[in-house]
Amino acid sequence: MTARALLQTLLGRLLSVLARLACEPVGIYRPEAHYMRGPGPAWRAKHR
């Protein structure tokens, strides 16, 4: 494998990884992943 072919291969792989990372949502707030499921035991003890 020549140096030029190796460089093209590595560059192609790097670009494919960068493209995949650019398409994925990173750091997007998803409320369904963070919602509270209801009052906890401290709230129940206080309001009895």
PDB file of N, CA and C in Angstrom:
ATOM      1  N   MET A   1       0.856  -1.175   0.000  1.00  0.00           N
ATOM      2  CA  MET A   1       0.000   0.000   0.000  1.00  0.00           C
ATOM      3  C   MET A   1       0.899   1.234   0.000  1.00  0.00           C
ATOM      4  N   THR A   2       0.631   2.115  -0.919  1.00  0.00           N
ATOM      5  CA  THR A   2       1.452   3.311  -1.018  1.00  0.00           C
ATOM      6  C   THR A   2       1.046   4.314   0.047  1.00  0.00           C
ATOM      7  N   ALA A   3       1.892   5.296   0.229  1.00  0.00           N
ATOM      8  CA  ALA A   3       1.623   6.324   1.238  1.00  0.00           C
ATOM      9  C   ALA A   3       0.369   7.108   0.877  1.00  0.00           C
ATOM     10  N   ARG A   4       0.179   7.351  -0.391  1.00  0.00           N
ATOM     11  CA  ARG A   4      -1.014   8.106  -0.825  1.00  0.00           C
ATOM     12  C   ARG A   4      -2.297   7.320  -0.557  1.00  0.00           C
ATOM     13  N   ALA A   5      -2.286   6.038  -0.825  1.00  0.00           N
ATOM     14  CA  ALA A   5      -3.458   5.196  -0.583  1.00  0.00           C
ATOM     15  C   ALA A   5      -3.736   5.080   0.912  1.00  0.00           C
ATOM     16  N   LEU A   6      -2.688   4.974   1.716  1.00  0.00           N
ATOM     17  CA  LEU A   6      -2.849   4.909   3.165  1.00  0.00           C
ATOM     18  C   LEU A   6      -3.450   6.208   3.694  1.00  0.00           C
ATOM     19  N   LEU A   7      -2.962   7.326   3.195  1.00  0.00           N
ATOM     20  CA  LEU A   7      -3.488   8.624   3.610  1.00  0.00           C
ATOM     21  C   LEU A   7      -4.954   8.776   3.216  1.00  0.00           C
ATOM     22  N   GLN A   8      -5.313   8.327   2.025  1.00  0.00           N
ATOM     23  CA  GLN A   8      -6.707   8.403   1.589  1.00  0.00           C
ATOM     24  C   GLN A   8      -7.608   7.518   2.448  1.00  0.00           C
ATOM     25  N   THR A   9      -7.116   6.354   2.809  1.00  0.00           N
ATOM     26  CA  THR A   9      -7.896   5.445   3.653  1.00  0.00           C
ATOM     27  C   THR A   9      -8.121   6.054   5.027  1.00  0.00           C
ATOM     28  N   LEU A  10      -7.064   6.563   5.618  1.00  0.00           N
ATOM     29  CA  LEU A  10      -7.187   7.160   6.944  1.00  0.00           C
ATOM     30  C   LEU A  10      -8.079   8.394   6.927  1.00  0.00           C
ATOM     31  N   LEU A  11      -7.945   9.198   5.908  1.00  0.00           N
ATOM     32  CA  LEU A  11      -8.773  10.391   5.790  1.00  0.00           C
ATOM     33  C   LEU A  11     -10.243  10.018   5.594  1.00  0.00           C
ATOM     34  N   GLY A  12     -10.502   9.001   4.809  1.00  0.00           N
ATOM     35  CA  GLY A  12     -11.871   8.534   4.605  1.00  0.00           C
ATOM     36  C   GLY A  12     -12.490   8.027   5.896  1.00  0.00           C
ATOM     37  N   ARG A  13     -11.733   7.278   6.669  1.00  0.00           N
ATOM     38  CA  ARG A  13     -12.248   6.778   7.951  1.00  0.00           C
ATOM     39  C   ARG A  13     -12.485   7.920   8.930  1.00  0.00           C
ATOM     40  N   LEU A  14     -11.576   8.867   8.966  1.00  0.00           N
ATOM     41  CA  LEU A  14     -11.746  10.023   9.850  1.00  0.00           C
ATOM     42  C   LEU A  14     -12.988  10.813   9.479  1.00  0.00           C
ATOM     43  N   LEU A  15     -13.197  11.035   8.198  1.00  0.00           N
ATOM     44  CA  LEU A  15     -14.378  11.777   7.764  1.00  0.00           C
ATOM     45  C   LEU A  15     -15.666  11.021   8.063  1.00  0.00           C
ATOM     46  N   SER A  16     -15.645   9.702   7.939  1.00  0.00           N
ATOM     47  CA  SER A  16     -16.857   8.935   8.248  1.00  0.00           C
ATOM     48  C   SER A  16     -17.177   8.986   9.739  1.00  0.00           C
ATOM     49  N   VAL A  17     -16.161   8.946  10.581  1.00  0.00           N
ATOM     50  CA  VAL A  17     -16.384   9.060  12.027  1.00  0.00           C
ATOM     51  C   VAL A  17     -16.914  10.444  12.371  1.00  0.00           C
ATOM     52  N   LEU A  18     -16.342  11.471  11.790  1.00  0.00           N
ATOM     53  CA  LEU A  18     -16.797  12.836  12.061  1.00  0.00           C
ATOM     54  C   LEU A  18     -18.225  13.046  11.569  1.00  0.00           C
ATOM     55  N   ALA A  19     -18.555  12.478  10.446  1.00  0.00           N
ATOM     56  CA  ALA A  19     -19.913  12.605   9.926  1.00  0.00           C
ATOM     57  C   ALA A  19     -20.911  11.905  10.835  1.00  0.00           C
ATOM     58  N   ARG A  20     -20.533  10.746  11.341  1.00  0.00           N
ATOM     59  CA  ARG A  20     -21.419  10.014  12.248  1.00  0.00           C
ATOM     60  C   ARG A  20     -21.612  10.790  13.545  1.00  0.00           C
ATOM     61  N   LEU A  21     -20.548  11.387  14.062  1.00  0.00           N
ATOM     62  CA  LEU A  21     -20.657  12.183  15.284  1.00  0.00           C
ATOM     63  C   LEU A  21     -21.504  13.432  15.068  1.00  0.00           C
ATOM     64  N   ALA A  22     -21.420  14.022  13.898  1.00  0.00           N
ATOM     65  CA  ALA A  22     -22.179  15.231  13.609  1.00  0.00           C
ATOM     66  C   ALA A  22     -23.671  14.947  13.497  1.00  0.00           C
ATOM     67  N   CYS A  23     -24.033  13.733  13.121  1.00  0.00           N
ATOM     68  CA  CYS A  23     -25.447  13.387  12.950  1.00  0.00           C
ATOM     69  C   CYS A  23     -26.128  13.029  14.262  1.00  0.00           C
ATOM     70  N   GLU A  24     -25.365  12.576  15.251  1.00  0.00           N
ATOM     71  CA  GLU A  24     -25.961  12.150  16.508  1.00  0.00           C
ATOM     72  C   GLU A  24     -26.236  13.353  17.400  1.00  0.00           C
ATOM     73  N   PRO A  25     -27.403  13.381  18.038  1.00  0.00           N
ATOM     74  CA  PRO A  25     -27.693  14.470  18.963  1.00  0.00           C
ATOM     75  C   PRO A  25     -26.866  14.332  20.238  1.00  0.00           C
ATOM     76  N   VAL A  26     -26.060  15.312  20.499  1.00  0.00           N
ATOM     77  CA  VAL A  26     -25.207  15.296  21.683  1.00  0.00           C
ATOM     78  C   VAL A  26     -25.634  16.442  22.585  1.00  0.00           C
ATOM     79  N   GLY A  27     -25.947  16.116  23.806  1.00  0.00           N
ATOM     80  CA  GLY A  27     -26.280  17.150  24.772  1.00  0.00           C
ATOM     81  C   GLY A  27     -27.674  17.730  24.615  1.00  0.00           C
ATOM     82  N   ILE A  28     -28.548  17.052  23.904  1.00  0.00           N
ATOM     83  CA  ILE A  28     -29.911  17.550  23.746  1.00  0.00           C
ATOM     84  C   ILE A  28     -30.708  17.130  24.966  1.00  0.00           C
ATOM     85  N   TYR A  29     -31.436  18.078  25.549  1.00  0.00           N
ATOM     86  CA  TYR A  29     -32.258  17.782  26.709  1.00  0.00           C
ATOM     87  C   TYR A  29     -33.495  17.011  26.282  1.00  0.00           C
ATOM     88  N   ARG A  30     -33.667  15.853  26.869  1.00  0.00           N
ATOM     89  CA  ARG A  30     -34.849  15.044  26.601  1.00  0.00           C
ATOM     90  C   ARG A  30     -35.634  14.931  27.895  1.00  0.00           C
ATOM     91  N   PRO A  31     -36.747  15.642  28.027  1.00  0.00           N
ATOM     92  CA  PRO A  31     -37.468  15.623  29.294  1.00  0.00           C
ATOM     93  C   PRO A  31     -37.948  14.248  29.710  1.00  0.00           C
ATOM     94  N   GLU A  32     -38.237  13.370  28.756  1.00  0.00           N
ATOM     95  CA  GLU A  32     -38.715  12.046  29.140  1.00  0.00           C
ATOM     96  C   GLU A  32     -37.648  11.245  29.874  1.00  0.00           C
ATOM     97  N   ALA A  33     -36.391  11.630  29.720  1.00  0.00           N
ATOM     98  CA  ALA A  33     -35.318  10.933  30.422  1.00  0.00           C
ATOM     99  C   ALA A  33     -35.094  11.486  31.821  1.00  0.00           C
ATOM    100  N   HIS A  34     -35.697  12.625  32.134  1.00  0.00           N
ATOM    101  CA  HIS A  34     -35.419  13.299  33.401  1.00  0.00           C
ATOM    102  C   HIS A  34     -36.652  13.613  34.232  1.00  0.00           C
ATOM    103  N   TYR A  35     -37.811  13.185  33.799  1.00  0.00           N
ATOM    104  CA  TYR A  35     -39.016  13.577  34.512  1.00  0.00           C
ATOM    105  C   TYR A  35     -39.116  12.864  35.857  1.00  0.00           C
ATOM    106  N   MET A  36     -39.804  13.505  36.772  1.00  0.00           N
ATOM    107  CA  MET A  36     -40.040  12.891  38.073  1.00  0.00           C
ATOM    108  C   MET A  36     -41.280  12.014  37.974  1.00  0.00           C
ATOM    109  N   ARG A  37     -41.257  10.896  38.643  1.00  0.00           N
ATOM    110  CA  ARG A  37     -42.357   9.946  38.534  1.00  0.00           C
ATOM    111  C   ARG A  37     -43.404  10.139  39.620  1.00  0.00           C
ATOM    112  N   GLY A  38     -43.292  11.160  40.395  1.00  0.00           N
ATOM    113  CA  GLY A  38     -44.279  11.402  41.441  1.00  0.00           C
ATOM    114  C   GLY A  38     -43.597  11.737  42.751  1.00  0.00           C
ATOM    115  N   PRO A  39     -44.401  12.029  43.751  1.00  0.00           N
ATOM    116  CA  PRO A  39     -43.827  12.391  45.041  1.00  0.00           C
ATOM    117  C   PRO A  39     -43.086  11.220  45.682  1.00  0.00           C
ATOM    118  N   GLY A  40     -42.041  11.546  46.377  1.00  0.00           N
ATOM    119  CA  GLY A  40     -41.237  10.531  47.030  1.00  0.00           C
ATOM    120  C   GLY A  40     -41.651  10.309  48.476  1.00  0.00           C
ATOM    121  N   PRO A  41     -40.899   9.498  49.196  1.00  0.00           N
ATOM    122  CA  PRO A  41     -41.274   9.169  50.566  1.00  0.00           C
ATOM    123  C   PRO A  41     -41.227  10.368  51.516  1.00  0.00           C
ATOM    124  N   ALA A  42     -40.334  11.317  51.290  1.00  0.00           N
ATOM    125  CA  ALA A  42     -40.277  12.489  52.162  1.00  0.00           C
ATOM    126  C   ALA A  42     -41.543  13.334  52.016  1.00  0.00           C
ATOM    127  N   TRP A  43     -42.021  13.486  50.804  1.00  0.00           N
ATOM    128  CA  TRP A  43     -43.258  14.253  50.587  1.00  0.00           C
ATOM    129  C   TRP A  43     -44.450  13.539  51.232  1.00  0.00           C
ATOM    130  N   ARG A  44     -44.518  12.226  51.087  1.00  0.00           N
ATOM    131  CA  ARG A  44     -45.630  11.460  51.665  1.00  0.00           C
ATOM    132  C   ARG A  44     -45.628  11.560  53.183  1.00  0.00           C
ATOM    133  N   ALA A  45     -44.435  11.479  53.811  1.00  0.00           N
ATOM    134  CA  ALA A  45     -44.347  11.561  55.268  1.00  0.00           C
ATOM    135  C   ALA A  45     -44.776  12.941  55.759  1.00  0.00           C
ATOM    136  N   LYS A  46     -44.457  13.974  55.006  1.00  0.00           N
ATOM    137  CA  LYS A  46     -44.771  15.345  55.413  1.00  0.00           C
ATOM    138  C   LYS A  46     -46.263  15.638  55.257  1.00  0.00           C
ATOM    139  N   HIS A  47     -46.913  15.060  54.286  1.00  0.00           N
ATOM    140  CA  HIS A  47     -48.301  15.393  53.978  1.00  0.00           C
ATOM    141  C   HIS A  47     -49.308  14.351  54.470  1.00  0.00           C
ATOM    142  N   ARG A  48     -48.968  13.591  55.460  1.00  0.00           N
ATOM    143  CA  ARG A  48     -49.918  12.627  56.032  1.00  0.00           C
ATOM    144  C   ARG A  48     -50.636  13.234  57.196  1.00  0.00           C
TER     145      ARG A  48
END
